[in-house]
Amino acid sequence: MSDALSPEPKPGANAGRSAHPGARKTSAKAARSRAREFALQALYQHLVGRNPAADIDRFTRDLSGFHKADSAHYDALLHGCIEEADALDAQIEPVLDRKLSELSPIEHAVMWIGVWELLHAPDVPWRVIINECVELAKSFGGTDGHKYVNGVLGSLAPKLRPAEVAADPRGQRRPPGAPE
């Protein structure tokens, strides 16, 4: 197993940003965001290599920076997504415009994370879940994979979090990716 999923820094990513002491740095990334990144890497290994969860977990915990992640959230994502893979796929598949097998493993794993959190992490607002998953897809996925992830999760949010989406303080605007 390798750490091949580390995102490449994008040229000019810090251009125009202030260097004052209050500026947020990459190292200040939230522990839950880090947990999602490590869970994504672990789920990728599961999807591609069919490695057992326990082996993936041991490997992932040894990766650089894991100590800064929310390990409880990582555990919930890794084990929850693997244990509920069929149920998560059953939620995702009806809103796809292609076969599930045609998804990239990154998009597939990001969607698992998003759907699992929509179902099991009521303390995380639905828009935050979608945003975090879009950011994962931007960092680790293909060129436009984040748009597809946004569309799929945006379509599922009203079904999986109906009261929260209906009560959204942004008024009558539709959720990201929802059909018009």
N, C-alpha and C. Protein backbone atom coordinates (compact mmCIF):
# COMPACT_ATOMS: atom_id res chain seq x y z
N MET A 1 0.85 -1.18 0.00
CA MET A 1 0.00 0.00 0.00
C MET A 1 0.89 1.23 0.00
N SER A 2 0.41 2.26 -0.67
CA SER A 2 1.21 3.48 -0.73
C SER A 2 0.37 4.69 -0.41
N ASP A 3 1.03 5.80 -0.24
CA ASP A 3 0.37 7.06 0.05
C ASP A 3 0.20 7.83 -1.26
N ALA A 4 -0.22 7.13 -2.32
CA ALA A 4 -0.29 7.71 -3.66
C ALA A 4 -1.42 8.70 -3.82
N LEU A 5 -2.31 8.80 -2.87
CA LEU A 5 -3.45 9.69 -3.01
C LEU A 5 -3.22 11.07 -2.43
N SER A 6 -2.01 11.39 -2.05
CA SER A 6 -1.75 12.72 -1.52
C SER A 6 -1.98 13.74 -2.62
N PRO A 7 -2.78 14.78 -2.33
CA PRO A 7 -3.06 15.75 -3.37
C PRO A 7 -1.82 16.55 -3.74
N GLU A 8 -1.71 16.84 -5.03
CA GLU A 8 -0.61 17.67 -5.51
C GLU A 8 -0.96 19.12 -5.22
N PRO A 9 0.00 19.92 -4.77
CA PRO A 9 -0.30 21.34 -4.59
C PRO A 9 -0.58 21.96 -5.95
N LYS A 10 -1.57 22.82 -6.01
CA LYS A 10 -1.94 23.47 -7.25
C LYS A 10 -1.10 24.72 -7.42
N PRO A 11 -0.55 24.93 -8.64
CA PRO A 11 0.26 26.11 -8.87
C PRO A 11 -0.53 27.38 -8.59
N GLY A 12 0.09 28.29 -7.89
CA GLY A 12 -0.55 29.57 -7.59
C GLY A 12 -1.68 29.48 -6.58
N ALA A 13 -1.78 28.36 -5.87
CA ALA A 13 -2.89 28.18 -4.93
C ALA A 13 -2.88 29.22 -3.82
N ASN A 14 -1.71 29.74 -3.48
CA ASN A 14 -1.63 30.73 -2.41
C ASN A 14 -1.46 32.14 -2.93
N ALA A 15 -1.53 32.31 -4.23
CA ALA A 15 -1.34 33.64 -4.82
C ALA A 15 -2.40 34.60 -4.31
N GLY A 16 -1.96 35.76 -3.90
CA GLY A 16 -2.90 36.79 -3.45
C GLY A 16 -3.41 36.62 -2.04
N ARG A 17 -2.97 35.62 -1.34
CA ARG A 17 -3.43 35.43 0.03
C ARG A 17 -2.54 36.18 0.99
N SER A 18 -3.14 36.65 2.03
CA SER A 18 -2.41 37.41 3.05
C SER A 18 -1.57 36.47 3.89
N ALA A 19 -0.42 36.93 4.29
CA ALA A 19 0.46 36.11 5.13
C ALA A 19 0.39 36.58 6.58
N HIS A 20 -0.64 37.34 6.95
CA HIS A 20 -0.71 37.80 8.33
C HIS A 20 -0.99 36.65 9.27
N PRO A 21 -0.69 36.82 10.56
CA PRO A 21 -0.78 35.72 11.52
C PRO A 21 -2.16 35.10 11.64
N GLY A 22 -3.23 35.80 11.28
CA GLY A 22 -4.57 35.24 11.40
C GLY A 22 -4.98 34.41 10.20
N ALA A 23 -4.17 34.40 9.16
CA ALA A 23 -4.51 33.65 7.94
C ALA A 23 -4.49 32.15 8.25
N ARG A 24 -5.49 31.43 7.72
CA ARG A 24 -5.56 29.99 7.93
C ARG A 24 -4.58 29.29 7.00
N LYS A 25 -3.78 28.41 7.57
CA LYS A 25 -2.81 27.67 6.80
C LYS A 25 -3.31 26.25 6.62
N THR A 26 -2.74 25.54 5.67
CA THR A 26 -3.10 24.15 5.43
C THR A 26 -2.93 23.33 6.70
N SER A 27 -1.91 23.62 7.48
CA SER A 27 -1.66 22.87 8.70
C SER A 27 -2.75 23.08 9.74
N ALA A 28 -3.57 24.13 9.55
CA ALA A 28 -4.64 24.41 10.50
C ALA A 28 -5.94 23.73 10.09
N LYS A 29 -5.88 22.81 9.16
CA LYS A 29 -7.07 22.11 8.67
C LYS A 29 -7.79 21.42 9.83
N ALA A 30 -9.09 21.46 9.80
CA ALA A 30 -9.90 20.87 10.86
C ALA A 30 -9.66 19.36 10.96
N ALA A 31 -9.76 18.87 12.18
CA ALA A 31 -9.52 17.45 12.45
C ALA A 31 -10.50 16.56 11.70
N ARG A 32 -11.76 17.00 11.57
CA ARG A 32 -12.73 16.19 10.82
C ARG A 32 -12.43 16.18 9.33
N SER A 33 -11.95 17.30 8.82
CA SER A 33 -11.56 17.34 7.40
C SER A 33 -10.42 16.36 7.15
N ARG A 34 -9.47 16.34 8.05
CA ARG A 34 -8.35 15.39 7.95
C ARG A 34 -8.88 13.95 8.04
N ALA A 35 -9.82 13.71 8.93
CA ALA A 35 -10.39 12.37 9.07
C ALA A 35 -11.02 11.92 7.75
N ARG A 36 -11.72 12.84 7.09
CA ARG A 36 -12.33 12.50 5.80
C ARG A 36 -11.26 12.17 4.76
N GLU A 37 -10.16 12.93 4.76
CA GLU A 37 -9.08 12.66 3.81
C GLU A 37 -8.49 11.27 4.03
N PHE A 38 -8.22 10.93 5.28
CA PHE A 38 -7.67 9.61 5.57
C PHE A 38 -8.70 8.51 5.28
N ALA A 39 -9.96 8.77 5.58
CA ALA A 39 -11.00 7.79 5.27
C ALA A 39 -11.10 7.58 3.76
N LEU A 40 -10.99 8.65 3.00
CA LEU A 40 -11.03 8.54 1.54
C LEU A 40 -9.90 7.66 1.04
N GLN A 41 -8.70 7.89 1.54
CA GLN A 41 -7.56 7.07 1.14
C GLN A 41 -7.78 5.60 1.51
N ALA A 42 -8.32 5.37 2.68
CA ALA A 42 -8.58 4.00 3.13
C ALA A 42 -9.68 3.34 2.29
N LEU A 43 -10.74 4.07 2.01
CA LEU A 43 -11.84 3.52 1.21
C LEU A 43 -11.39 3.25 -0.22
N TYR A 44 -10.52 4.09 -0.74
CA TYR A 44 -9.94 3.86 -2.06
C TYR A 44 -9.22 2.51 -2.07
N GLN A 45 -8.42 2.25 -1.03
CA GLN A 45 -7.71 0.98 -0.94
C GLN A 45 -8.68 -0.19 -0.87
N HIS A 46 -9.79 0.02 -0.19
CA HIS A 46 -10.79 -1.04 -0.10
C HIS A 46 -11.44 -1.28 -1.46
N LEU A 47 -11.81 -0.21 -2.15
CA LEU A 47 -12.48 -0.34 -3.44
C LEU A 47 -11.56 -0.92 -4.52
N VAL A 48 -10.31 -0.48 -4.54
CA VAL A 48 -9.39 -0.90 -5.59
C VAL A 48 -8.73 -2.24 -5.27
N GLY A 49 -8.25 -2.37 -4.06
CA GLY A 49 -7.49 -3.58 -3.70
C GLY A 49 -8.28 -4.63 -2.95
N ARG A 50 -9.51 -4.28 -2.56
CA ARG A 50 -10.34 -5.20 -1.75
C ARG A 50 -9.60 -5.65 -0.49
N ASN A 51 -8.75 -4.76 0.02
CA ASN A 51 -8.03 -5.06 1.25
C ASN A 51 -8.99 -5.06 2.43
N PRO A 52 -8.75 -5.92 3.41
CA PRO A 52 -9.61 -5.96 4.60
C PRO A 52 -9.50 -4.65 5.39
N ALA A 53 -10.60 -4.25 5.99
CA ALA A 53 -10.67 -3.00 6.74
C ALA A 53 -9.60 -2.92 7.83
N ALA A 54 -9.35 -4.01 8.52
CA ALA A 54 -8.36 -4.00 9.62
C ALA A 54 -6.96 -3.71 9.09
N ASP A 55 -6.61 -4.28 7.95
CA ASP A 55 -5.28 -4.03 7.35
C ASP A 55 -5.16 -2.59 6.89
N ILE A 56 -6.21 -2.10 6.24
CA ILE A 56 -6.22 -0.72 5.76
C ILE A 56 -6.11 0.23 6.95
N ASP A 57 -6.86 -0.06 8.00
CA ASP A 57 -6.86 0.80 9.19
C ASP A 57 -5.46 0.87 9.80
N ARG A 58 -4.80 -0.26 9.96
CA ARG A 58 -3.44 -0.27 10.53
C ARG A 58 -2.49 0.57 9.68
N PHE A 59 -2.56 0.38 8.36
CA PHE A 59 -1.70 1.13 7.45
C PHE A 59 -1.98 2.63 7.54
N THR A 60 -3.25 3.00 7.51
CA THR A 60 -3.64 4.41 7.48
C THR A 60 -3.23 5.13 8.76
N ARG A 61 -3.37 4.49 9.89
CA ARG A 61 -3.00 5.11 11.15
C ARG A 61 -1.51 5.41 11.25
N ASP A 62 -0.71 4.73 10.43
CA ASP A 62 0.74 4.97 10.41
C ASP A 62 1.15 6.08 9.45
N LEU A 63 0.21 6.61 8.68
CA LEU A 63 0.54 7.67 7.72
C LEU A 63 0.86 8.98 8.44
N SER A 64 1.72 9.74 7.83
CA SER A 64 2.11 11.04 8.37
C SER A 64 0.89 11.94 8.52
N GLY A 65 0.76 12.55 9.67
CA GLY A 65 -0.32 13.49 9.93
C GLY A 65 -1.59 12.89 10.49
N PHE A 66 -1.67 11.56 10.58
CA PHE A 66 -2.91 10.94 11.07
C PHE A 66 -3.24 11.42 12.49
N HIS A 67 -2.22 11.68 13.28
CA HIS A 67 -2.45 12.10 14.67
C HIS A 67 -3.23 13.42 14.76
N LYS A 68 -3.28 14.18 13.67
CA LYS A 68 -4.02 15.44 13.66
C LYS A 68 -5.48 15.25 13.24
N ALA A 69 -5.84 14.04 12.85
CA ALA A 69 -7.20 13.75 12.40
C ALA A 69 -8.08 13.37 13.58
N ASP A 70 -9.38 13.56 13.41
CA ASP A 70 -10.38 13.11 14.38
C ASP A 70 -10.52 11.60 14.18
N SER A 71 -9.81 10.84 15.00
CA SER A 71 -9.76 9.39 14.78
C SER A 71 -11.12 8.71 14.97
N ALA A 72 -11.96 9.25 15.83
CA ALA A 72 -13.29 8.66 16.01
C ALA A 72 -14.13 8.84 14.74
N HIS A 73 -14.03 10.01 14.12
CA HIS A 73 -14.78 10.24 12.89
C HIS A 73 -14.21 9.39 11.75
N TYR A 74 -12.90 9.27 11.69
CA TYR A 74 -12.25 8.40 10.71
C TYR A 74 -12.76 6.96 10.87
N ASP A 75 -12.75 6.45 12.11
CA ASP A 75 -13.22 5.09 12.38
C ASP A 75 -14.66 4.91 11.90
N ALA A 76 -15.51 5.88 12.25
CA ALA A 76 -16.92 5.78 11.87
C ALA A 76 -17.07 5.74 10.35
N LEU A 77 -16.32 6.60 9.65
CA LEU A 77 -16.40 6.63 8.19
C LEU A 77 -15.87 5.35 7.57
N LEU A 78 -14.67 4.95 7.95
CA LEU A 78 -14.08 3.76 7.35
C LEU A 78 -14.95 2.53 7.56
N HIS A 79 -15.22 2.24 8.82
CA HIS A 79 -15.95 1.01 9.12
C HIS A 79 -17.43 1.11 8.73
N GLY A 80 -18.02 2.29 8.93
CA GLY A 80 -19.42 2.48 8.54
C GLY A 80 -19.62 2.33 7.04
N CYS A 81 -18.76 2.94 6.25
CA CYS A 81 -18.90 2.86 4.79
C CYS A 81 -18.68 1.43 4.29
N ILE A 82 -17.68 0.75 4.83
CA ILE A 82 -17.43 -0.62 4.38
C ILE A 82 -18.57 -1.54 4.79
N GLU A 83 -19.02 -1.42 6.04
CA GLU A 83 -20.11 -2.28 6.52
C GLU A 83 -21.43 -2.01 5.80
N GLU A 84 -21.66 -0.76 5.42
CA GLU A 84 -22.92 -0.38 4.79
C GLU A 84 -22.78 -0.12 3.28
N ALA A 85 -21.73 -0.66 2.68
CA ALA A 85 -21.44 -0.39 1.27
C ALA A 85 -22.64 -0.65 0.37
N ASP A 86 -23.31 -1.77 0.53
CA ASP A 86 -24.45 -2.09 -0.34
C ASP A 86 -25.59 -1.10 -0.14
N ALA A 87 -25.87 -0.73 1.10
CA ALA A 87 -26.94 0.23 1.37
C ALA A 87 -26.59 1.62 0.85
N LEU A 88 -25.32 2.01 0.96
CA LEU A 88 -24.88 3.30 0.44
C LEU A 88 -24.99 3.31 -1.09
N ASP A 89 -24.55 2.23 -1.71
CA ASP A 89 -24.67 2.12 -3.17
C ASP A 89 -26.13 2.16 -3.61
N ALA A 90 -27.01 1.56 -2.82
CA ALA A 90 -28.45 1.57 -3.15
C ALA A 90 -29.02 2.99 -3.11
N GLN A 91 -28.47 3.85 -2.28
CA GLN A 91 -28.89 5.26 -2.24
C GLN A 91 -28.33 6.01 -3.44
N ILE A 92 -27.08 5.73 -3.79
CA ILE A 92 -26.37 6.47 -4.83
C ILE A 92 -26.84 6.08 -6.23
N GLU A 93 -26.98 4.80 -6.47
CA GLU A 93 -27.22 4.29 -7.83
C GLU A 93 -28.40 4.91 -8.57
N PRO A 94 -29.55 5.12 -7.92
CA PRO A 94 -30.69 5.68 -8.67
C PRO A 94 -30.47 7.09 -9.21
N VAL A 95 -29.55 7.85 -8.67
CA VAL A 95 -29.34 9.23 -9.15
C VAL A 95 -28.16 9.36 -10.10
N LEU A 96 -27.51 8.24 -10.41
CA LEU A 96 -26.38 8.27 -11.33
C LEU A 96 -26.87 8.28 -12.78
N ASP A 97 -26.05 8.84 -13.65
CA ASP A 97 -26.34 8.81 -15.07
C ASP A 97 -25.48 7.76 -15.78
N ARG A 98 -24.87 6.91 -15.01
CA ARG A 98 -24.03 5.83 -15.53
C ARG A 98 -24.08 4.68 -14.55
N LYS A 99 -23.45 3.59 -14.91
CA LYS A 99 -23.39 2.44 -14.00
C LYS A 99 -22.45 2.76 -12.84
N LEU A 100 -22.78 2.23 -11.69
CA LEU A 100 -21.94 2.40 -10.51
C LEU A 100 -20.51 1.95 -10.78
N SER A 101 -20.36 0.88 -11.54
CA SER A 101 -19.04 0.34 -11.85
C SER A 101 -18.21 1.29 -12.71
N GLU A 102 -18.84 2.28 -13.33
CA GLU A 102 -18.13 3.24 -14.18
C GLU A 102 -17.62 4.46 -13.39
N LEU A 103 -17.99 4.56 -12.11
CA LEU A 103 -17.47 5.66 -11.28
C LEU A 103 -16.00 5.43 -11.00
N SER A 104 -15.25 6.51 -10.91
CA SER A 104 -13.86 6.35 -10.46
C SER A 104 -13.91 5.93 -9.00
N PRO A 105 -12.92 5.20 -8.53
CA PRO A 105 -12.92 4.79 -7.12
C PRO A 105 -12.91 6.00 -6.17
N ILE A 106 -12.31 7.10 -6.60
CA ILE A 106 -12.30 8.30 -5.76
C ILE A 106 -13.71 8.86 -5.64
N GLU A 107 -14.40 9.06 -6.76
CA GLU A 107 -15.77 9.57 -6.72
C GLU A 107 -16.66 8.64 -5.92
N HIS A 108 -16.49 7.34 -6.11
CA HIS A 108 -17.30 6.36 -5.40
C HIS A 108 -17.09 6.49 -3.89
N ALA A 109 -15.83 6.54 -3.47
CA ALA A 109 -15.51 6.64 -2.05
C ALA A 109 -16.00 7.97 -1.46
N VAL A 110 -15.85 9.06 -2.21
CA VAL A 110 -16.32 10.36 -1.73
C VAL A 110 -17.84 10.33 -1.55
N MET A 111 -18.54 9.72 -2.50
CA MET A 111 -20.00 9.62 -2.38
C MET A 111 -20.40 8.75 -1.19
N TRP A 112 -19.66 7.67 -0.94
CA TRP A 112 -19.92 6.87 0.26
C TRP A 112 -19.81 7.74 1.50
N ILE A 113 -18.74 8.51 1.58
CA ILE A 113 -18.53 9.38 2.74
C ILE A 113 -19.69 10.35 2.88
N GLY A 114 -20.08 11.00 1.79
CA GLY A 114 -21.17 11.97 1.82
C GLY A 114 -22.48 11.35 2.25
N VAL A 115 -22.85 10.24 1.65
CA VAL A 115 -24.12 9.59 1.99
C VAL A 115 -24.08 9.08 3.42
N TRP A 116 -22.96 8.48 3.83
CA TRP A 116 -22.87 7.98 5.20
C TRP A 116 -23.06 9.13 6.19
N GLU A 117 -22.41 10.26 5.94
CA GLU A 117 -22.55 11.40 6.85
C GLU A 117 -23.96 11.97 6.81
N LEU A 118 -24.57 12.05 5.65
CA LEU A 118 -25.95 12.53 5.58
C LEU A 118 -26.88 11.65 6.41
N LEU A 119 -26.61 10.35 6.41
CA LEU A 119 -27.44 9.41 7.16
C LEU A 119 -27.10 9.34 8.65
N HIS A 120 -25.83 9.46 8.99
CA HIS A 120 -25.39 9.13 10.35
C HIS A 120 -24.70 10.25 11.14
N ALA A 121 -24.51 11.41 10.54
CA ALA A 121 -23.83 12.50 11.25
C ALA A 121 -24.74 13.73 11.30
N PRO A 122 -25.81 13.66 12.09
CA PRO A 122 -26.75 14.78 12.12
C PRO A 122 -26.16 16.07 12.69
N ASP A 123 -25.02 15.95 13.38
CA ASP A 123 -24.37 17.14 13.92
C ASP A 123 -23.63 17.94 12.84
N VAL A 124 -23.47 17.37 11.67
CA VAL A 124 -22.80 18.05 10.56
C VAL A 124 -23.88 18.54 9.59
N PRO A 125 -23.97 19.84 9.36
CA PRO A 125 -24.99 20.36 8.44
C PRO A 125 -24.82 19.78 7.04
N TRP A 126 -25.94 19.58 6.36
CA TRP A 126 -25.91 18.95 5.04
C TRP A 126 -25.06 19.72 4.05
N ARG A 127 -25.09 21.04 4.10
CA ARG A 127 -24.28 21.82 3.16
C ARG A 127 -22.78 21.65 3.45
N VAL A 128 -22.43 21.48 4.71
CA VAL A 128 -21.03 21.25 5.08
C VAL A 128 -20.57 19.90 4.54
N ILE A 129 -21.42 18.90 4.66
CA ILE A 129 -21.08 17.57 4.15
C ILE A 129 -20.81 17.64 2.65
N ILE A 130 -21.70 18.27 1.90
CA ILE A 130 -21.52 18.37 0.46
C ILE A 130 -20.26 19.16 0.14
N ASN A 131 -20.05 20.27 0.81
CA ASN A 131 -18.86 21.07 0.56
C ASN A 131 -17.58 20.28 0.84
N GLU A 132 -17.55 19.58 1.95
CA GLU A 132 -16.36 18.78 2.30
C GLU A 132 -16.11 17.70 1.24
N CYS A 133 -17.17 17.09 0.76
CA CYS A 133 -17.02 16.05 -0.26
C CYS A 133 -16.57 16.64 -1.60
N VAL A 134 -17.08 17.79 -1.94
CA VAL A 134 -16.64 18.47 -3.17
C VAL A 134 -15.14 18.79 -3.05
N GLU A 135 -14.71 19.27 -1.89
CA GLU A 135 -13.29 19.59 -1.69
C GLU A 135 -12.42 18.33 -1.78
N LEU A 136 -12.92 17.21 -1.24
CA LEU A 136 -12.17 15.96 -1.37
C LEU A 136 -12.03 15.57 -2.84
N ALA A 137 -13.12 15.69 -3.59
CA ALA A 137 -13.08 15.33 -5.01
C ALA A 137 -12.16 16.27 -5.79
N LYS A 138 -12.14 17.55 -5.42
CA LYS A 138 -11.23 18.49 -6.08
C LYS A 138 -9.78 18.13 -5.80
N SER A 139 -9.48 17.77 -4.55
CA SER A 139 -8.11 17.48 -4.15
C SER A 139 -7.59 16.14 -4.66
N PHE A 140 -8.44 15.14 -4.69
CA PHE A 140 -7.99 13.78 -4.98
C PHE A 140 -8.51 13.22 -6.30
N GLY A 141 -9.59 13.78 -6.81
CA GLY A 141 -10.24 13.20 -7.98
C GLY A 141 -9.81 13.79 -9.30
N GLY A 142 -10.54 13.39 -10.33
CA GLY A 142 -10.30 13.86 -11.68
C GLY A 142 -10.73 15.31 -11.85
N THR A 143 -10.48 15.84 -13.03
CA THR A 143 -10.69 17.25 -13.32
C THR A 143 -12.07 17.77 -12.94
N ASP A 144 -13.13 17.14 -13.38
CA ASP A 144 -14.48 17.62 -13.09
C ASP A 144 -15.26 16.69 -12.17
N GLY A 145 -14.58 15.77 -11.51
CA GLY A 145 -15.26 14.83 -10.62
C GLY A 145 -16.02 15.52 -9.50
N HIS A 146 -15.51 16.67 -9.05
CA HIS A 146 -16.17 17.39 -7.96
C HIS A 146 -17.56 17.87 -8.37
N LYS A 147 -17.73 18.19 -9.64
CA LYS A 147 -19.04 18.65 -10.11
C LYS A 147 -20.04 17.50 -10.08
N TYR A 148 -19.58 16.32 -10.43
CA TYR A 148 -20.45 15.15 -10.41
C TYR A 148 -20.82 14.78 -8.98
N VAL A 149 -19.84 14.80 -8.09
CA VAL A 149 -20.09 14.53 -6.67
C VAL A 149 -21.10 15.53 -6.12
N ASN A 150 -20.92 16.80 -6.45
CA ASN A 150 -21.84 17.84 -6.01
C ASN A 150 -23.26 17.55 -6.48
N GLY A 151 -23.40 17.19 -7.75
CA GLY A 151 -24.72 16.91 -8.30
C GLY A 151 -25.40 15.72 -7.64
N VAL A 152 -24.65 14.65 -7.45
CA VAL A 152 -25.22 13.44 -6.85
C VAL A 152 -25.61 13.70 -5.39
N LEU A 153 -24.71 14.25 -4.60
CA LEU A 153 -25.03 14.50 -3.19
C LEU A 153 -26.11 15.57 -3.04
N GLY A 154 -26.09 16.57 -3.92
CA GLY A 154 -27.13 17.59 -3.89
C GLY A 154 -28.51 17.02 -4.21
N SER A 155 -28.55 15.99 -5.04
CA SER A 155 -29.81 15.32 -5.35
C SER A 155 -30.29 14.45 -4.19
N LEU A 156 -29.35 13.89 -3.44
CA LEU A 156 -29.70 13.00 -2.34
C LEU A 156 -30.05 13.74 -1.04
N ALA A 157 -29.49 14.92 -0.85
CA ALA A 157 -29.70 15.65 0.41
C ALA A 157 -31.17 15.85 0.76
N PRO A 158 -32.04 16.30 -0.17
CA PRO A 158 -33.45 16.48 0.19
C PRO A 158 -34.14 15.18 0.61
N LYS A 159 -33.68 14.06 0.08
CA LYS A 159 -34.26 12.76 0.44
C LYS A 159 -33.74 12.28 1.80
N LEU A 160 -32.44 12.49 2.05
CA LEU A 160 -31.82 11.97 3.26
C LEU A 160 -31.92 12.92 4.46
N ARG A 161 -32.09 14.21 4.18
CA ARG A 161 -32.22 15.23 5.23
C ARG A 161 -33.39 16.17 4.88
N PRO A 162 -34.59 15.65 4.71
CA PRO A 162 -35.70 16.48 4.21
C PRO A 162 -36.02 17.69 5.09
N ALA A 163 -36.09 17.52 6.38
CA ALA A 163 -36.46 18.64 7.26
C ALA A 163 -35.36 19.71 7.25
N GLU A 164 -34.12 19.28 7.31
CA GLU A 164 -33.01 20.22 7.35
C GLU A 164 -32.91 21.01 6.03
N VAL A 165 -33.07 20.32 4.91
CA VAL A 165 -32.99 20.99 3.61
C VAL A 165 -34.17 21.95 3.45
N ALA A 166 -35.37 21.51 3.87
CA ALA A 166 -36.56 22.35 3.75
C ALA A 166 -36.45 23.61 4.62
N ALA A 167 -35.77 23.48 5.75
CA ALA A 167 -35.63 24.61 6.68
C ALA A 167 -34.40 25.45 6.39
N ASP A 168 -33.74 25.20 5.28
CA ASP A 168 -32.51 25.92 4.95
C ASP A 168 -32.76 27.42 4.97
N PRO A 169 -31.94 28.17 5.70
CA PRO A 169 -32.15 29.62 5.82
C PRO A 169 -31.88 30.39 4.53
N ARG A 170 -31.39 29.73 3.52
CA ARG A 170 -31.10 30.42 2.27
C ARG A 170 -32.34 30.55 1.39
N GLY A 171 -33.49 30.33 1.97
CA GLY A 171 -34.74 30.58 1.26
C GLY A 171 -35.09 29.50 0.27
N GLN A 172 -35.63 29.90 -0.84
CA GLN A 172 -36.16 28.97 -1.82
C GLN A 172 -35.12 28.43 -2.79
N ARG A 173 -33.86 28.81 -2.62
CA ARG A 173 -32.84 28.30 -3.53
C ARG A 173 -32.73 26.80 -3.37
N ARG A 174 -32.56 26.14 -4.48
CA ARG A 174 -32.46 24.68 -4.45
C ARG A 174 -31.07 24.27 -3.97
N PRO A 175 -30.95 23.07 -3.41
CA PRO A 175 -29.64 22.60 -2.96
C PRO A 175 -28.71 22.40 -4.15
N PRO A 176 -27.40 22.46 -3.91
CA PRO A 176 -26.47 22.28 -5.02
C PRO A 176 -26.70 20.93 -5.69
N GLY A 177 -26.81 20.95 -7.00
CA GLY A 177 -26.96 19.71 -7.74
C GLY A 177 -28.37 19.17 -7.83
N ALA A 178 -29.32 19.78 -7.14
CA ALA A 178 -30.69 19.27 -7.18
C ALA A 178 -31.31 19.59 -8.53
N PRO A 179 -32.21 18.72 -9.00
CA PRO A 179 -32.86 18.98 -10.29
C PRO A 179 -33.72 20.24 -10.19
N GLU A 180 -33.84 20.93 -11.32
CA GLU A 180 -34.64 22.16 -11.33
C GLU A 180 -36.12 21.85 -11.42
